[in-house]
Each structure stands twice: as structure tokens, then as C-alpha cells.
Amino acid sequence: MQDEHQVNEEDKLRQALARLGAGASSRSPNKSRPVTPTMTERRRRFVRDGQVVVEHQGGRGIAARNPSQEDQEEIERLRQSVKREQRRWEEAERSLTEVRSQLKAFETREAHAKIQISELNRELRENQDAIQTLKACLHQAREQAAEAARRTPRPVGRPRKEAAPEAVEMAEAADVAEQEPVQWWVKA
């Protein structure tokens, strides 16, 4: 009995809600048509204690509405912001590529410099070894020369006088000086 009473109350509430939602055109109740739910219509249920009502809204209604001027401005501003960020990202990628190529070039230069330094160090060691060898040979040759100088006797007395070669050369130069000068400005 209580179920029937509850169902009657629910039907009355549904009818009242239908009248409120129908607007002014359907204020007069249509008595000829009884209110019976069809298979395609879902019968509304009122929430009881401990129940949670979940209603699914269609997503098309939100997407289909025309955006207002403020929304359009916001969308355009966001598009511009996205384009700006994409350009920044592309520039950052380009600069990163350039920096990587410069880094590779510097690493190559560094490797070449290290190879050249090692070659020059090797050549320096070889030259220092050659210098040490030559110094040892020079020292040995000086010792031998000093030993030879000690063994050979020195001449006793005055050295002989010979005609100085410089005086002979000066006499020849005087003969050349007596010749007539060449007049180069006169054509022959």
C-alpha cells in the first residue's frame, strides 16, 4: 500500500514538473492523453537517502555553442602564444645544433693541437739529445786539441817577418784609383 501511495506521489510530482517545464503554451492540462512512460522514455526517479544521481550530459551541446567575443579573443591569444612557443622551440633547436657543431669543431681542434704538441715534444727531445751529443763531441774534440797542443813543441825565438798581404792589396787599389772616372750620363 505504501508503494502505491509513493508511486502516486511521484506521478503527481512528475505532472507538476512537466507543467512547469512546458511553459505557457501547455498550461491547460491535456486530459485526453494519459501520462504513461514508453519504452524509449526513461522514468525519472527521485533520490532517496543514500543514493547518488549521475546524469550524463551530451558533449555536443558544449562544443556546438558559438563562442563569445571574449572567448574568441582568448582562443586567438592562446594560438598566438602557441605559435610563439613553437618558434622559440625551433630557434632553440637550431641554436643547439649550432652549438653542438661548434663543440665538435673545438674538440677536433683540441685533438689536432694535442697531436701537434706531442710531435713537437718528441722533436724537442730528439733535438736536445742531438745537442747533448754534439756538446759531448765538442768537449772531446777540445780535450784532444789540448792534448795535441801539449805534445807538439813550440818554436823558440822570433817569428819570421813576411810581407803583409794587406800592403800588396793597397798598392793595387792605388793603381785602380788613378784611372779616369766613367761618365755614365754621357751616351756613347
N, C-alpha and C. Protein backbone atom coordinates (compact mmCIF):
# COMPACT_ATOMS: atom_id res chain seq x y z
N MET A 1 0.81 -1.17 0.00
CA MET A 1 0.00 0.00 0.00
C MET A 1 0.86 1.25 0.00
N GLN A 2 1.87 1.19 0.76
CA GLN A 2 2.76 2.35 0.83
C GLN A 2 3.44 2.57 -0.51
N ASP A 3 3.80 1.51 -1.24
CA ASP A 3 4.40 1.62 -2.56
C ASP A 3 3.45 2.32 -3.53
N GLU A 4 2.16 1.94 -3.48
CA GLU A 4 1.20 2.59 -4.37
C GLU A 4 1.08 4.06 -4.05
N HIS A 5 1.10 4.37 -2.79
CA HIS A 5 0.99 5.77 -2.36
C HIS A 5 2.22 6.56 -2.83
N GLN A 6 3.36 5.94 -2.72
CA GLN A 6 4.61 6.59 -3.15
C GLN A 6 4.61 6.78 -4.66
N VAL A 7 4.15 5.81 -5.41
CA VAL A 7 4.08 5.90 -6.87
C VAL A 7 3.12 7.00 -7.26
N ASN A 8 1.99 7.11 -6.58
CA ASN A 8 1.02 8.19 -6.88
C ASN A 8 1.64 9.55 -6.61
N GLU A 9 2.35 9.68 -5.54
CA GLU A 9 3.02 10.96 -5.23
C GLU A 9 4.05 11.29 -6.30
N GLU A 10 4.80 10.31 -6.73
CA GLU A 10 5.81 10.53 -7.77
C GLU A 10 5.14 10.96 -9.07
N ASP A 11 4.02 10.34 -9.40
CA ASP A 11 3.30 10.73 -10.62
C ASP A 11 2.81 12.16 -10.53
N LYS A 12 2.29 12.55 -9.39
CA LYS A 12 1.81 13.92 -9.21
C LYS A 12 2.98 14.91 -9.34
N LEU A 13 4.10 14.58 -8.76
CA LEU A 13 5.28 15.46 -8.85
C LEU A 13 5.76 15.55 -10.29
N ARG A 14 5.73 14.45 -11.01
CA ARG A 14 6.13 14.46 -12.42
C ARG A 14 5.21 15.36 -13.24
N GLN A 15 3.95 15.24 -13.00
CA GLN A 15 3.00 16.08 -13.73
C GLN A 15 3.22 17.55 -13.42
N ALA A 16 3.48 17.86 -12.17
CA ALA A 16 3.72 19.25 -11.79
C ALA A 16 5.01 19.77 -12.44
N LEU A 17 6.01 18.94 -12.45
CA LEU A 17 7.27 19.35 -13.10
C LEU A 17 7.08 19.51 -14.60
N ALA A 18 6.28 18.66 -15.20
CA ALA A 18 6.03 18.77 -16.63
C ALA A 18 5.28 20.05 -16.95
N ARG A 19 4.33 20.43 -16.09
CA ARG A 19 3.60 21.67 -16.31
C ARG A 19 4.53 22.87 -16.16
N LEU A 20 5.41 22.84 -15.20
CA LEU A 20 6.35 23.95 -15.01
C LEU A 20 7.34 24.04 -16.16
N GLY A 21 7.81 22.93 -16.63
CA GLY A 21 8.79 22.91 -17.70
C GLY A 21 8.20 23.14 -19.06
N ALA A 22 6.92 22.97 -19.26
CA ALA A 22 6.30 23.09 -20.57
C ALA A 22 6.11 24.53 -20.98
N GLY A 23 6.03 25.46 -20.10
CA GLY A 23 5.85 26.86 -20.45
C GLY A 23 4.39 27.23 -20.51
N ALA A 24 4.12 28.43 -21.11
CA ALA A 24 2.75 28.98 -21.13
C ALA A 24 1.85 28.27 -22.13
N SER A 25 2.40 27.68 -23.18
CA SER A 25 1.58 27.07 -24.22
C SER A 25 0.83 25.84 -23.73
N SER A 26 1.37 25.17 -22.79
CA SER A 26 0.70 23.94 -22.35
C SER A 26 0.25 24.04 -20.91
N ARG A 27 -0.30 25.20 -20.53
CA ARG A 27 -0.79 25.37 -19.16
C ARG A 27 -2.07 24.57 -18.93
N SER A 28 -2.81 24.44 -19.96
CA SER A 28 -4.04 23.67 -19.80
C SER A 28 -3.71 22.19 -19.92
N PRO A 29 -3.99 21.42 -18.93
CA PRO A 29 -3.64 20.02 -18.97
C PRO A 29 -4.44 19.29 -20.04
N ASN A 30 -3.74 18.40 -20.71
CA ASN A 30 -4.37 17.60 -21.75
C ASN A 30 -4.87 16.32 -21.10
N LYS A 31 -6.19 16.25 -20.89
CA LYS A 31 -6.79 15.13 -20.17
C LYS A 31 -6.95 13.91 -21.07
N SER A 32 -6.94 14.12 -22.39
CA SER A 32 -7.19 13.01 -23.28
C SER A 32 -6.01 12.03 -23.31
N ARG A 33 -4.83 12.56 -23.04
CA ARG A 33 -3.66 11.70 -23.11
C ARG A 33 -3.17 11.35 -21.71
N PRO A 34 -3.24 10.12 -21.37
CA PRO A 34 -2.74 9.75 -20.04
C PRO A 34 -1.21 9.71 -20.05
N VAL A 35 -0.63 10.01 -18.90
CA VAL A 35 0.83 10.04 -18.79
C VAL A 35 1.31 8.65 -18.46
N THR A 36 1.83 7.99 -19.48
CA THR A 36 2.41 6.67 -19.27
C THR A 36 3.78 6.66 -19.93
N PRO A 37 4.75 6.21 -19.25
CA PRO A 37 6.10 6.19 -19.85
C PRO A 37 6.19 5.11 -20.91
N THR A 38 6.83 5.47 -22.02
CA THR A 38 7.04 4.49 -23.08
C THR A 38 8.38 3.81 -22.85
N MET A 39 8.69 2.90 -23.74
CA MET A 39 9.94 2.15 -23.57
C MET A 39 11.15 3.05 -23.85
N THR A 40 10.96 4.02 -24.75
CA THR A 40 12.11 4.86 -25.08
C THR A 40 12.35 5.91 -24.02
N GLU A 41 11.30 6.34 -23.33
CA GLU A 41 11.48 7.32 -22.26
C GLU A 41 11.91 6.61 -20.99
N ARG A 42 12.79 7.29 -20.30
CA ARG A 42 13.19 6.74 -19.01
C ARG A 42 12.32 7.36 -17.94
N ARG A 43 11.92 6.58 -17.06
CA ARG A 43 11.10 7.08 -15.98
C ARG A 43 12.01 7.72 -14.94
N ARG A 44 11.69 8.96 -14.56
CA ARG A 44 12.52 9.65 -13.59
C ARG A 44 12.31 9.06 -12.21
N ARG A 45 13.40 9.04 -11.51
CA ARG A 45 13.33 8.56 -10.14
C ARG A 45 13.79 9.67 -9.23
N PHE A 46 13.20 9.78 -8.12
CA PHE A 46 13.62 10.75 -7.13
C PHE A 46 14.66 10.12 -6.23
N VAL A 47 15.54 10.93 -5.78
CA VAL A 47 16.66 10.43 -4.99
C VAL A 47 16.17 10.10 -3.59
N ARG A 48 16.59 8.97 -3.15
CA ARG A 48 16.30 8.57 -1.78
C ARG A 48 17.56 8.69 -0.97
N ASP A 49 17.46 8.59 0.29
CA ASP A 49 18.63 8.71 1.15
C ASP A 49 19.63 7.62 0.81
N GLY A 50 20.92 8.04 0.70
CA GLY A 50 21.99 7.09 0.43
C GLY A 50 22.22 6.84 -1.05
N GLN A 51 21.45 7.48 -1.93
CA GLN A 51 21.63 7.29 -3.36
C GLN A 51 22.35 8.51 -3.95
N VAL A 52 23.07 8.26 -5.02
CA VAL A 52 23.76 9.33 -5.74
C VAL A 52 23.25 9.30 -7.17
N VAL A 53 22.82 10.44 -7.65
CA VAL A 53 22.29 10.53 -9.00
C VAL A 53 23.40 10.95 -9.94
N VAL A 54 23.55 10.23 -11.03
CA VAL A 54 24.55 10.57 -12.05
C VAL A 54 23.80 10.86 -13.33
N GLU A 55 23.98 12.06 -13.87
CA GLU A 55 23.37 12.41 -15.13
C GLU A 55 24.48 12.68 -16.14
N HIS A 56 24.35 12.09 -17.30
CA HIS A 56 25.33 12.29 -18.36
C HIS A 56 24.82 13.37 -19.29
N GLN A 57 25.64 14.38 -19.50
CA GLN A 57 25.28 15.45 -20.41
C GLN A 57 25.94 15.20 -21.75
N GLY A 58 25.26 15.56 -22.81
CA GLY A 58 25.83 15.39 -24.14
C GLY A 58 26.97 16.38 -24.37
N GLY A 59 28.10 15.90 -24.92
CA GLY A 59 29.25 16.76 -25.17
C GLY A 59 29.06 17.65 -26.38
N ARG A 60 28.09 17.33 -27.22
CA ARG A 60 27.90 18.10 -28.44
C ARG A 60 27.35 19.49 -28.14
N GLY A 61 26.56 19.60 -27.16
CA GLY A 61 25.96 20.89 -26.84
C GLY A 61 27.01 21.92 -26.44
N ILE A 62 28.05 21.49 -25.77
CA ILE A 62 29.10 22.41 -25.33
C ILE A 62 29.95 22.84 -26.51
N ALA A 63 30.31 21.88 -27.36
CA ALA A 63 31.18 22.18 -28.49
C ALA A 63 30.44 22.95 -29.58
N ALA A 64 29.12 22.77 -29.67
CA ALA A 64 28.38 23.37 -30.76
C ALA A 64 28.03 24.83 -30.48
N ARG A 65 28.12 25.26 -29.26
CA ARG A 65 27.72 26.64 -28.97
C ARG A 65 28.73 27.61 -29.56
N ASN A 66 28.28 28.74 -29.94
CA ASN A 66 29.15 29.75 -30.54
C ASN A 66 29.92 30.46 -29.43
N PRO A 67 31.22 30.55 -29.57
CA PRO A 67 31.98 31.23 -28.52
C PRO A 67 31.74 32.73 -28.59
N SER A 68 31.79 33.33 -27.44
CA SER A 68 31.58 34.77 -27.38
C SER A 68 32.84 35.49 -27.85
N GLN A 69 32.74 36.81 -27.94
CA GLN A 69 33.87 37.62 -28.41
C GLN A 69 35.07 37.45 -27.49
N GLU A 70 34.82 37.41 -26.19
CA GLU A 70 35.92 37.24 -25.23
C GLU A 70 36.58 35.88 -25.40
N ASP A 71 35.74 34.86 -25.63
CA ASP A 71 36.29 33.53 -25.84
C ASP A 71 37.13 33.48 -27.11
N GLN A 72 36.63 34.12 -28.16
CA GLN A 72 37.38 34.14 -29.42
C GLN A 72 38.72 34.86 -29.24
N GLU A 73 38.70 35.97 -28.52
CA GLU A 73 39.95 36.69 -28.26
C GLU A 73 40.91 35.84 -27.45
N GLU A 74 40.37 35.13 -26.47
CA GLU A 74 41.21 34.26 -25.64
C GLU A 74 41.80 33.13 -26.49
N ILE A 75 40.97 32.56 -27.37
CA ILE A 75 41.45 31.48 -28.24
C ILE A 75 42.55 32.00 -29.16
N GLU A 76 42.34 33.17 -29.75
CA GLU A 76 43.35 33.75 -30.64
C GLU A 76 44.64 34.06 -29.88
N ARG A 77 44.49 34.60 -28.68
CA ARG A 77 45.67 34.89 -27.85
C ARG A 77 46.44 33.61 -27.53
N LEU A 78 45.73 32.54 -27.23
CA LEU A 78 46.37 31.27 -26.93
C LEU A 78 47.03 30.68 -28.17
N ARG A 79 46.40 30.83 -29.34
CA ARG A 79 47.02 30.36 -30.58
C ARG A 79 48.32 31.10 -30.85
N GLN A 80 48.28 32.42 -30.67
CA GLN A 80 49.49 33.21 -30.88
C GLN A 80 50.58 32.79 -29.90
N SER A 81 50.17 32.51 -28.67
CA SER A 81 51.13 32.07 -27.66
C SER A 81 51.75 30.73 -28.05
N VAL A 82 50.92 29.83 -28.58
CA VAL A 82 51.43 28.52 -29.01
C VAL A 82 52.41 28.70 -30.17
N LYS A 83 52.06 29.57 -31.14
CA LYS A 83 52.96 29.81 -32.27
C LYS A 83 54.28 30.40 -31.80
N ARG A 84 54.20 31.33 -30.86
CA ARG A 84 55.41 31.95 -30.31
C ARG A 84 56.28 30.91 -29.63
N GLU A 85 55.67 30.03 -28.87
CA GLU A 85 56.44 28.98 -28.19
C GLU A 85 57.04 28.00 -29.19
N GLN A 86 56.31 27.70 -30.27
CA GLN A 86 56.86 26.82 -31.29
C GLN A 86 58.07 27.45 -31.97
N ARG A 87 57.99 28.76 -32.26
CA ARG A 87 59.14 29.46 -32.85
C ARG A 87 60.33 29.44 -31.90
N ARG A 88 60.06 29.70 -30.63
CA ARG A 88 61.14 29.66 -29.64
C ARG A 88 61.78 28.27 -29.58
N TRP A 89 60.94 27.25 -29.63
CA TRP A 89 61.46 25.88 -29.59
C TRP A 89 62.32 25.61 -30.82
N GLU A 90 61.84 26.02 -32.00
CA GLU A 90 62.61 25.80 -33.23
C GLU A 90 63.94 26.56 -33.17
N GLU A 91 63.92 27.81 -32.68
CA GLU A 91 65.16 28.58 -32.55
C GLU A 91 66.10 27.91 -31.57
N ALA A 92 65.55 27.40 -30.49
CA ALA A 92 66.39 26.70 -29.50
C ALA A 92 67.00 25.45 -30.11
N GLU A 93 66.23 24.73 -30.90
CA GLU A 93 66.76 23.53 -31.57
C GLU A 93 67.88 23.91 -32.54
N ARG A 94 67.66 25.00 -33.32
CA ARG A 94 68.69 25.45 -34.25
C ARG A 94 69.96 25.86 -33.52
N SER A 95 69.80 26.63 -32.46
CA SER A 95 70.98 27.07 -31.72
C SER A 95 71.67 25.88 -31.05
N LEU A 96 70.91 24.91 -30.60
CA LEU A 96 71.50 23.71 -30.02
C LEU A 96 72.32 22.96 -31.06
N THR A 97 71.79 22.86 -32.28
CA THR A 97 72.52 22.20 -33.37
C THR A 97 73.80 22.96 -33.68
N GLU A 98 73.72 24.29 -33.72
CA GLU A 98 74.91 25.10 -33.99
C GLU A 98 75.95 24.93 -32.90
N VAL A 99 75.50 24.94 -31.66
CA VAL A 99 76.43 24.80 -30.53
C VAL A 99 77.09 23.43 -30.57
N ARG A 100 76.31 22.40 -30.91
CA ARG A 100 76.89 21.06 -31.00
C ARG A 100 77.95 20.98 -32.10
N SER A 101 77.68 21.63 -33.25
CA SER A 101 78.66 21.60 -34.34
C SER A 101 79.91 22.38 -33.94
N GLN A 102 79.73 23.51 -33.24
CA GLN A 102 80.89 24.27 -32.76
C GLN A 102 81.68 23.45 -31.75
N LEU A 103 80.98 22.76 -30.87
CA LEU A 103 81.66 21.92 -29.89
C LEU A 103 82.47 20.84 -30.57
N LYS A 104 81.89 20.23 -31.60
CA LYS A 104 82.61 19.19 -32.34
C LYS A 104 83.85 19.77 -33.02
N ALA A 105 83.71 20.99 -33.59
CA ALA A 105 84.86 21.64 -34.23
C ALA A 105 85.95 21.93 -33.20
N PHE A 106 85.54 22.41 -32.01
CA PHE A 106 86.54 22.69 -30.97
C PHE A 106 87.22 21.41 -30.48
N GLU A 107 86.45 20.34 -30.36
CA GLU A 107 87.05 19.08 -29.95
C GLU A 107 88.04 18.58 -30.99
N THR A 108 87.71 18.78 -32.27
CA THR A 108 88.63 18.38 -33.34
C THR A 108 89.90 19.21 -33.27
N ARG A 109 89.74 20.53 -33.09
CA ARG A 109 90.91 21.40 -32.97
C ARG A 109 91.78 21.00 -31.78
N GLU A 110 91.11 20.67 -30.67
CA GLU A 110 91.85 20.27 -29.48
C GLU A 110 92.65 19.00 -29.75
N ALA A 111 92.03 18.04 -30.43
CA ALA A 111 92.73 16.78 -30.73
C ALA A 111 93.93 17.05 -31.64
N HIS A 112 93.75 17.90 -32.65
CA HIS A 112 94.87 18.23 -33.55
C HIS A 112 95.99 18.94 -32.79
N ALA A 113 95.61 19.85 -31.89
CA ALA A 113 96.61 20.56 -31.10
C ALA A 113 97.39 19.59 -30.20
N LYS A 114 96.68 18.64 -29.59
CA LYS A 114 97.36 17.66 -28.74
C LYS A 114 98.33 16.82 -29.55
N ILE A 115 97.92 16.41 -30.75
CA ILE A 115 98.82 15.63 -31.61
C ILE A 115 100.04 16.45 -31.98
N GLN A 116 99.82 17.72 -32.33
CA GLN A 116 100.93 18.58 -32.71
C GLN A 116 101.86 18.82 -31.52
N ILE A 117 101.31 18.99 -30.34
CA ILE A 117 102.14 19.18 -29.14
C ILE A 117 102.99 17.94 -28.87
N SER A 118 102.40 16.76 -29.00
CA SER A 118 103.17 15.54 -28.75
C SER A 118 104.29 15.39 -29.79
N GLU A 119 103.99 15.74 -31.06
CA GLU A 119 105.03 15.66 -32.10
C GLU A 119 106.15 16.65 -31.82
N LEU A 120 105.79 17.87 -31.42
CA LEU A 120 106.81 18.89 -31.13
C LEU A 120 107.63 18.50 -29.91
N ASN A 121 106.98 17.93 -28.90
CA ASN A 121 107.73 17.47 -27.71
C ASN A 121 108.72 16.37 -28.08
N ARG A 122 108.29 15.44 -28.93
CA ARG A 122 109.18 14.38 -29.38
C ARG A 122 110.36 14.98 -30.15
N GLU A 123 110.07 15.93 -31.05
CA GLU A 123 111.12 16.57 -31.84
C GLU A 123 112.06 17.36 -30.93
N LEU A 124 111.52 18.01 -29.90
CA LEU A 124 112.34 18.76 -28.95
C LEU A 124 113.28 17.82 -28.20
N ARG A 125 112.77 16.67 -27.76
CA ARG A 125 113.63 15.70 -27.07
C ARG A 125 114.74 15.21 -27.99
N GLU A 126 114.38 14.94 -29.26
CA GLU A 126 115.40 14.48 -30.21
C GLU A 126 116.47 15.56 -30.41
N ASN A 127 116.03 16.83 -30.55
CA ASN A 127 116.99 17.92 -30.72
C ASN A 127 117.86 18.11 -29.48
N GLN A 128 117.26 17.98 -28.31
CA GLN A 128 118.05 18.10 -27.08
C GLN A 128 119.07 16.96 -26.98
N ASP A 129 118.65 15.77 -27.38
CA ASP A 129 119.60 14.66 -27.39
C ASP A 129 120.74 14.92 -28.38
N ALA A 130 120.41 15.47 -29.56
CA ALA A 130 121.44 15.79 -30.55
C ALA A 130 122.38 16.86 -30.02
N ILE A 131 121.82 17.86 -29.34
CA ILE A 131 122.66 18.92 -28.76
C ILE A 131 123.60 18.34 -27.71
N GLN A 132 123.08 17.46 -26.88
CA GLN A 132 123.93 16.84 -25.85
C GLN A 132 125.04 16.02 -26.50
N THR A 133 124.69 15.30 -27.56
CA THR A 133 125.70 14.51 -28.28
C THR A 133 126.77 15.42 -28.88
N LEU A 134 126.34 16.52 -29.52
CA LEU A 134 127.30 17.45 -30.12
C LEU A 134 128.17 18.13 -29.06
N LYS A 135 127.56 18.46 -27.91
CA LYS A 135 128.35 19.06 -26.82
C LYS A 135 129.41 18.07 -26.33
N ALA A 136 129.01 16.81 -26.23
CA ALA A 136 129.98 15.80 -25.78
C ALA A 136 131.10 15.66 -26.81
N CYS A 137 130.74 15.68 -28.10
CA CYS A 137 131.76 15.60 -29.17
C CYS A 137 132.67 16.82 -29.13
N LEU A 138 132.10 18.01 -28.93
CA LEU A 138 132.89 19.24 -28.85
C LEU A 138 133.84 19.19 -27.66
N HIS A 139 133.34 18.76 -26.54
CA HIS A 139 134.18 18.66 -25.34
C HIS A 139 135.32 17.67 -25.58
N GLN A 140 135.00 16.56 -26.21
CA GLN A 140 136.01 15.56 -26.51
C GLN A 140 137.05 16.11 -27.49
N ALA A 141 136.56 16.85 -28.52
CA ALA A 141 137.49 17.44 -29.50
C ALA A 141 138.38 18.48 -28.84
N ARG A 142 137.87 19.28 -27.94
CA ARG A 142 138.69 20.27 -27.22
C ARG A 142 139.75 19.58 -26.37
N GLU A 143 139.33 18.53 -25.72
CA GLU A 143 140.31 17.79 -24.91
C GLU A 143 141.42 17.22 -25.78
N GLN A 144 141.02 16.68 -26.95
CA GLN A 144 142.03 16.14 -27.86
C GLN A 144 142.94 17.24 -28.39
N ALA A 145 142.39 18.42 -28.68
CA ALA A 145 143.19 19.53 -29.17
C ALA A 145 144.15 20.02 -28.09
N ALA A 146 143.67 20.06 -26.88
CA ALA A 146 144.54 20.49 -25.77
C ALA A 146 145.64 19.46 -25.56
N GLU A 147 145.32 18.22 -25.66
CA GLU A 147 146.32 17.15 -25.52
C GLU A 147 147.34 17.25 -26.65
N ALA A 148 146.88 17.50 -27.87
CA ALA A 148 147.78 17.62 -29.01
C ALA A 148 148.66 18.86 -28.86
N ALA A 149 148.11 19.93 -28.32
CA ALA A 149 148.89 21.16 -28.13
C ALA A 149 149.97 20.93 -27.09
N ARG A 150 149.73 20.14 -26.12
CA ARG A 150 150.73 19.86 -25.10
C ARG A 150 151.84 18.99 -25.68
N ARG A 151 151.52 18.12 -26.58
CA ARG A 151 152.54 17.22 -27.14
C ARG A 151 153.44 17.91 -28.17
N THR A 152 152.91 18.82 -28.98
CA THR A 152 153.74 19.44 -30.02
C THR A 152 154.65 20.49 -29.39
N PRO A 153 155.97 20.57 -29.86
CA PRO A 153 156.89 21.56 -29.29
C PRO A 153 156.58 22.94 -29.86
N ARG A 154 156.86 23.96 -29.08
CA ARG A 154 156.66 25.33 -29.51
C ARG A 154 157.95 25.84 -30.13
N PRO A 155 157.84 26.69 -31.17
CA PRO A 155 159.07 27.24 -31.75
C PRO A 155 159.72 28.25 -30.80
N VAL A 156 161.00 28.23 -30.79
CA VAL A 156 161.75 29.11 -29.91
C VAL A 156 162.24 30.29 -30.74
N GLY A 157 162.18 31.49 -30.21
CA GLY A 157 162.67 32.65 -30.92
C GLY A 157 161.53 33.45 -31.53
N ARG A 158 162.02 34.45 -32.38
CA ARG A 158 161.05 35.33 -33.01
C ARG A 158 160.48 34.71 -34.27
N PRO A 159 159.24 35.04 -34.56
CA PRO A 159 158.69 34.55 -35.80
C PRO A 159 159.24 35.36 -36.97
N ARG A 160 159.34 34.78 -38.14
CA ARG A 160 159.85 35.46 -39.31
C ARG A 160 158.86 36.48 -39.82
N LYS A 161 159.47 37.56 -40.42
CA LYS A 161 158.62 38.60 -40.98
C LYS A 161 158.40 38.30 -42.45
N GLU A 162 157.21 38.38 -42.85
CA GLU A 162 156.88 38.22 -44.25
C GLU A 162 156.15 39.47 -44.70
N ALA A 163 156.10 39.70 -45.99
CA ALA A 163 155.40 40.87 -46.50
C ALA A 163 153.92 40.71 -46.17
N ALA A 164 153.38 41.76 -45.65
CA ALA A 164 151.97 41.72 -45.25
C ALA A 164 151.09 41.72 -46.49
N PRO A 165 150.18 40.85 -46.57
CA PRO A 165 149.30 40.81 -47.73
C PRO A 165 148.43 42.06 -47.85
N GLU A 166 148.18 42.76 -46.80
CA GLU A 166 147.34 43.95 -46.83
C GLU A 166 148.04 45.05 -47.61
N ALA A 167 149.36 45.18 -47.47
CA ALA A 167 150.10 46.23 -48.16
C ALA A 167 150.07 46.00 -49.66
N VAL A 168 150.12 44.75 -50.09
CA VAL A 168 150.08 44.44 -51.52
C VAL A 168 148.72 44.82 -52.08
N GLU A 169 147.69 44.56 -51.36
CA GLU A 169 146.34 44.87 -51.82
C GLU A 169 146.14 46.37 -51.91
N MET A 170 146.74 47.16 -51.02
CA MET A 170 146.58 48.61 -51.05
C MET A 170 147.28 49.21 -52.26
N ALA A 171 148.39 48.65 -52.63
CA ALA A 171 149.11 49.16 -53.79
C ALA A 171 148.30 48.93 -55.05
N GLU A 172 147.67 47.80 -55.17
CA GLU A 172 146.83 47.52 -56.33
C GLU A 172 145.63 48.45 -56.35
N ALA A 173 145.06 48.76 -55.20
CA ALA A 173 143.91 49.65 -55.11
C ALA A 173 144.30 51.05 -55.55
N ALA A 174 145.55 51.50 -55.30
CA ALA A 174 146.01 52.84 -55.71
C ALA A 174 146.07 52.91 -57.22
N ASP A 175 146.51 51.85 -57.89
CA ASP A 175 146.54 51.84 -59.35
C ASP A 175 145.12 51.99 -59.92
N VAL A 176 144.18 51.37 -59.32
CA VAL A 176 142.79 51.45 -59.78
C VAL A 176 142.26 52.85 -59.56
N ALA A 177 142.70 53.53 -58.50
CA ALA A 177 142.21 54.86 -58.18
C ALA A 177 142.70 55.87 -59.20
N GLU A 178 143.83 55.67 -59.87
CA GLU A 178 144.37 56.60 -60.84
C GLU A 178 143.63 56.56 -62.17
N GLN A 179 142.80 55.61 -62.41
CA GLN A 179 142.06 55.53 -63.66
C GLN A 179 141.01 56.64 -63.70
N GLU A 180 140.59 56.99 -64.93
CA GLU A 180 139.60 58.05 -65.10
C GLU A 180 138.23 57.54 -64.72
N PRO A 181 137.42 58.43 -64.18
CA PRO A 181 136.06 58.03 -63.82
C PRO A 181 135.20 57.87 -65.08
N VAL A 182 134.23 57.03 -64.98
CA VAL A 182 133.34 56.78 -66.10
C VAL A 182 132.24 57.80 -66.06
N GLN A 183 131.98 58.41 -67.20
CA GLN A 183 130.90 59.38 -67.30
C GLN A 183 129.63 58.66 -67.77
N TRP A 184 128.87 58.26 -66.87
CA TRP A 184 127.70 57.44 -67.18
C TRP A 184 126.56 58.24 -67.76
N TRP A 185 126.58 59.56 -67.56
CA TRP A 185 125.47 60.37 -68.05
C TRP A 185 125.61 60.70 -69.52
N VAL A 186 126.82 60.45 -70.06
CA VAL A 186 127.06 60.70 -71.47
C VAL A 186 126.82 59.40 -72.21
N LYS A 187 126.03 59.49 -73.31
CA LYS A 187 125.76 58.28 -74.08
C LYS A 187 126.86 58.10 -75.09
N ALA A 188 127.28 56.90 -75.31
CA ALA A 188 128.38 56.64 -76.25
C ALA A 188 127.91 56.52 -77.65
